[in-house]
C-alpha atoms as a PDB file:
ATOM      1  CA  UNK A   1       3.515   0.333 -41.800  1.00  0.00           C
ATOM      2  CA  UNK A   2       0.652  -1.000 -39.650  1.00  0.00           C
ATOM      3  CA  UNK A   3       0.956  -1.913 -35.957  1.00  0.00           C
ATOM      4  CA  UNK A   4       0.801  -5.630 -36.722  1.00  0.00           C
ATOM      5  CA  UNK A   5       3.627  -5.361 -39.260  1.00  0.00           C
ATOM      6  CA  UNK A   6       5.747  -3.419 -36.801  1.00  0.00           C
ATOM      7  CA  UNK A   7       5.909  -6.421 -34.425  1.00  0.00           C
ATOM      8  CA  UNK A   8       7.362  -8.665 -37.131  1.00  0.00           C
ATOM      9  CA  UNK A   9      10.016  -6.213 -38.328  1.00  0.00           C
ATOM     10  CA  UNK A  10      13.271  -7.146 -36.531  1.00  0.00           C
ATOM     11  CA  UNK A  11      14.603  -3.584 -36.774  1.00  0.00           C
ATOM     12  CA  UNK A  12      11.769  -1.967 -34.848  1.00  0.00           C
ATOM     13  CA  UNK A  13      10.496  -2.572 -31.354  1.00  0.00           C
ATOM     14  CA  UNK A  14       6.877  -3.095 -30.536  1.00  0.00           C
ATOM     15  CA  UNK A  15       5.208  -0.154 -28.767  1.00  0.00           C
ATOM     16  CA  UNK A  16       4.712  -0.670 -25.057  1.00  0.00           C
ATOM     17  CA  UNK A  17       1.265  -1.701 -23.969  1.00  0.00           C
ATOM     18  CA  UNK A  18       0.255  -0.879 -20.417  1.00  0.00           C
ATOM     19  CA  UNK A  19      -2.252  -3.272 -18.882  1.00  0.00           C
ATOM     20  CA  UNK A  20      -4.603  -2.137 -16.135  1.00  0.00           C
ATOM     21  CA  UNK A  21      -4.485  -3.939 -12.782  1.00  0.00           C
ATOM     22  CA  UNK A  22      -7.954  -5.404 -13.356  1.00  0.00           C
ATOM     23  CA  UNK A  23      -6.908  -6.758 -16.767  1.00  0.00           C
ATOM     24  CA  UNK A  24      -3.777  -8.270 -15.226  1.00  0.00           C
ATOM     25  CA  UNK A  25      -5.970  -9.920 -12.596  1.00  0.00           C
ATOM     26  CA  UNK A  26      -8.285 -11.324 -15.267  1.00  0.00           C
ATOM     27  CA  UNK A  27      -5.299 -12.703 -17.195  1.00  0.00           C
ATOM     28  CA  UNK A  28      -3.961 -14.283 -14.014  1.00  0.00           C
ATOM     29  CA  UNK A  29      -7.347 -15.857 -13.241  1.00  0.00           C
ATOM     30  CA  UNK A  30      -7.541 -17.351 -16.720  1.00  0.00           C
ATOM     31  CA  UNK A  31      -4.045 -18.796 -16.266  1.00  0.00           C
ATOM     32  CA  UNK A  32      -4.903 -20.257 -12.862  1.00  0.00           C
ATOM     33  CA  UNK A  33      -8.107 -21.823 -14.193  1.00  0.00           C
ATOM     34  CA  UNK A  34      -6.039 -23.180 -17.086  1.00  0.00           C
ATOM     35  CA  UNK A  35      -8.432 -21.614 -19.582  1.00  0.00           C
ATOM     36  CA  UNK A  36      -5.491 -20.293 -21.628  1.00  0.00           C
ATOM     37  CA  UNK A  37      -1.789 -20.937 -21.947  1.00  0.00           C
ATOM     38  CA  UNK A  38       0.850 -18.254 -21.531  1.00  0.00           C
ATOM     39  CA  UNK A  39       1.309 -18.027 -25.304  1.00  0.00           C
ATOM     40  CA  UNK A  40      -2.459 -17.723 -25.920  1.00  0.00           C
ATOM     41  CA  UNK A  41      -2.824 -15.017 -23.264  1.00  0.00           C
ATOM     42  CA  UNK A  42       0.098 -13.082 -24.726  1.00  0.00           C
ATOM     43  CA  UNK A  43      -1.338 -13.299 -28.229  1.00  0.00           C
ATOM     44  CA  UNK A  44      -4.805 -12.253 -27.079  1.00  0.00           C
ATOM     45  CA  UNK A  45      -3.495  -9.149 -25.289  1.00  0.00           C
ATOM     46  CA  UNK A  46      -0.825  -8.300 -27.889  1.00  0.00           C
ATOM     47  CA  UNK A  47       2.022  -8.442 -25.370  1.00  0.00           C
ATOM     48  CA  UNK A  48       5.170 -10.504 -25.028  1.00  0.00           C
ATOM     49  CA  UNK A  49       5.085 -13.877 -23.238  1.00  0.00           C
ATOM     50  CA  UNK A  50       7.530 -12.518 -20.652  1.00  0.00           C
ATOM     51  CA  UNK A  51       4.898  -9.935 -19.667  1.00  0.00           C
ATOM     52  CA  UNK A  52       2.392 -12.708 -18.934  1.00  0.00           C
ATOM     53  CA  UNK A  53       5.004 -14.678 -17.009  1.00  0.00           C
ATOM     54  CA  UNK A  54       5.817 -11.558 -14.962  1.00  0.00           C
ATOM     55  CA  UNK A  55       2.118 -11.088 -14.132  1.00  0.00           C
ATOM     56  CA  UNK A  56       1.983 -14.679 -12.916  1.00  0.00           C
ATOM     57  CA  UNK A  57       5.154 -14.281 -10.813  1.00  0.00           C
ATOM     58  CA  UNK A  58       4.069 -10.986  -9.228  1.00  0.00           C
ATOM     59  CA  UNK A  59       0.631 -12.412  -8.380  1.00  0.00           C
ATOM     60  CA  UNK A  60       2.185 -15.470  -6.741  1.00  0.00           C
ATOM     61  CA  UNK A  61       4.694 -13.423  -4.730  1.00  0.00           C
ATOM     62  CA  UNK A  62       1.983 -10.979  -3.647  1.00  0.00           C
ATOM     63  CA  UNK A  63      -0.323 -13.785  -2.557  1.00  0.00           C
ATOM     64  CA  UNK A  64       2.447 -15.513  -0.600  1.00  0.00           C
ATOM     65  CA  UNK A  65       3.424 -12.259   1.125  1.00  0.00           C
ATOM     66  CA  UNK A  66      -0.198 -11.525   2.051  1.00  0.00           C
ATOM     67  CA  UNK A  67      -0.713 -15.041   3.400  1.00  0.00           C
ATOM     68  CA  UNK A  68       2.511 -14.865   5.405  1.00  0.00           C
ATOM     69  CA  UNK A  69       1.443 -11.543   6.936  1.00  0.00           C
ATOM     70  CA  UNK A  70      -2.029 -12.758   7.891  1.00  0.00           C
ATOM     71  CA  UNK A  71      -2.380 -14.351  11.296  1.00  0.00           C
ATOM     72  CA  UNK A  72      -5.431 -16.025  12.792  1.00  0.00           C
ATOM     73  CA  UNK A  73      -7.505 -14.144  15.325  1.00  0.00           C
ATOM     74  CA  UNK A  74      -8.248 -10.475  15.791  1.00  0.00           C
ATOM     75  CA  UNK A  75      -5.491  -8.172  14.620  1.00  0.00           C
ATOM     76  CA  UNK A  76      -4.137  -5.834  17.280  1.00  0.00           C
ATOM     77  CA  UNK A  77      -4.036  -2.237  16.202  1.00  0.00           C
ATOM     78  CA  UNK A  78      -0.608  -0.923  15.441  1.00  0.00           C
ATOM     79  CA  UNK A  79       0.675   1.414  18.149  1.00  0.00           C
ATOM     80  CA  UNK A  80       1.158   5.048  17.216  1.00  0.00           C
ATOM     81  CA  UNK A  81       4.229   5.977  19.216  1.00  0.00           C
ATOM     82  CA  UNK A  82       4.170   9.640  18.169  1.00  0.00           C
ATOM     83  CA  UNK A  83       0.583   9.985  19.388  1.00  0.00           C
ATOM     84  CA  UNK A  84       1.468   8.358  22.712  1.00  0.00           C
ATOM     85  CA  UNK A  85       4.427  10.718  23.158  1.00  0.00           C
ATOM     86  CA  UNK A  86       2.256  13.732  22.312  1.00  0.00           C
ATOM     87  CA  UNK A  87      -0.408  12.683  24.839  1.00  0.00           C
ATOM     88  CA  UNK A  88       2.249  12.198  27.524  1.00  0.00           C
ATOM     89  CA  UNK A  89       3.630  15.683  26.768  1.00  0.00           C
ATOM     90  CA  UNK A  90       0.140  17.197  27.010  1.00  0.00           C
ATOM     91  CA  UNK A  91      -0.408  15.508  30.385  1.00  0.00           C
ATOM     92  CA  UNK A  92       2.979  16.728  31.685  1.00  0.00           C
ATOM     93  CA  UNK A  93       2.325  20.296  30.542  1.00  0.00           C
ATOM     94  CA  UNK A  94      -1.184  20.245  32.070  1.00  0.00           C
ATOM     95  CA  UNK A  95       0.251  19.254  35.450  1.00  0.00           C
ATOM     96  CA  UNK A  96       2.877  21.997  35.179  1.00  0.00           C
ATOM     97  CA  UNK A  97       0.226  24.629  34.442  1.00  0.00           C
ATOM     98  CA  UNK A  98      -1.823  23.471  37.461  1.00  0.00           C
ATOM     99  CA  UNK A  99       1.221  23.675  39.745  1.00  0.00           C
ATOM    100  CA  UNK A 100       2.065  27.149  38.454  1.00  0.00           C
ATOM    101  CA  UNK A 101      -1.528  28.311  39.016  1.00  0.00           C
ATOM    102  CA  UNK A 102      -1.420  27.095  42.638  1.00  0.00           C
ATOM    103  CA  UNK A 103       1.945  28.814  43.284  1.00  0.00           C
ATOM    104  CA  UNK A 104       0.698  32.051  41.722  1.00  0.00           C
ATOM    105  CA  UNK A 105      -2.395  32.008  43.892  1.00  0.00           C
ATOM    106  CA  UNK A 106      -0.297  31.434  47.047  1.00  0.00           C
ATOM    107  CA  UNK A 107       2.106  34.270  46.185  1.00  0.00           C
ATOM    108  CA  UNK A 108      -0.478  36.822  45.116  1.00  0.00           C
ATOM    109  CA  UNK A 109      -3.235  35.722  47.449  1.00  0.00           C
ATOM    110  CA  UNK A 110      -6.906  36.383  46.938  1.00  0.00           C
ATOM    111  CA  UNK A 111      -6.534  40.137  47.370  1.00  0.00           C
ATOM    112  CA  UNK A 112      -7.390  40.988  43.795  1.00  0.00           C
ATOM    113  CA  UNK A 113     -10.766  39.260  43.915  1.00  0.00           C
ATOM    114  CA  UNK A 114     -12.732  41.387  46.107  1.00  0.00           C
END
């Protein structure tokens, strides 16, 4: 039985066809430009119409989410709280080491130097 016959046999399911992201984008562009209908796009790519409709829905939702997230002006960099905490800890430990060095020098004196 050939692949084309398999799609018409009600007892067997059509094999899954995975479309690359770039192909999905091209299909979506053709739909937006109204170069093809959903049925024509599905027939051309040998997929179900629901697959084409899903591509269209996902593209629309993704575009709306990206537009909602974009704000005019320069984007502020996201703060890295872990890095800030680590830098604060380094500064605190550096001050502690300096204090301990001063105390050690006062207790032991300069006698060992010469």
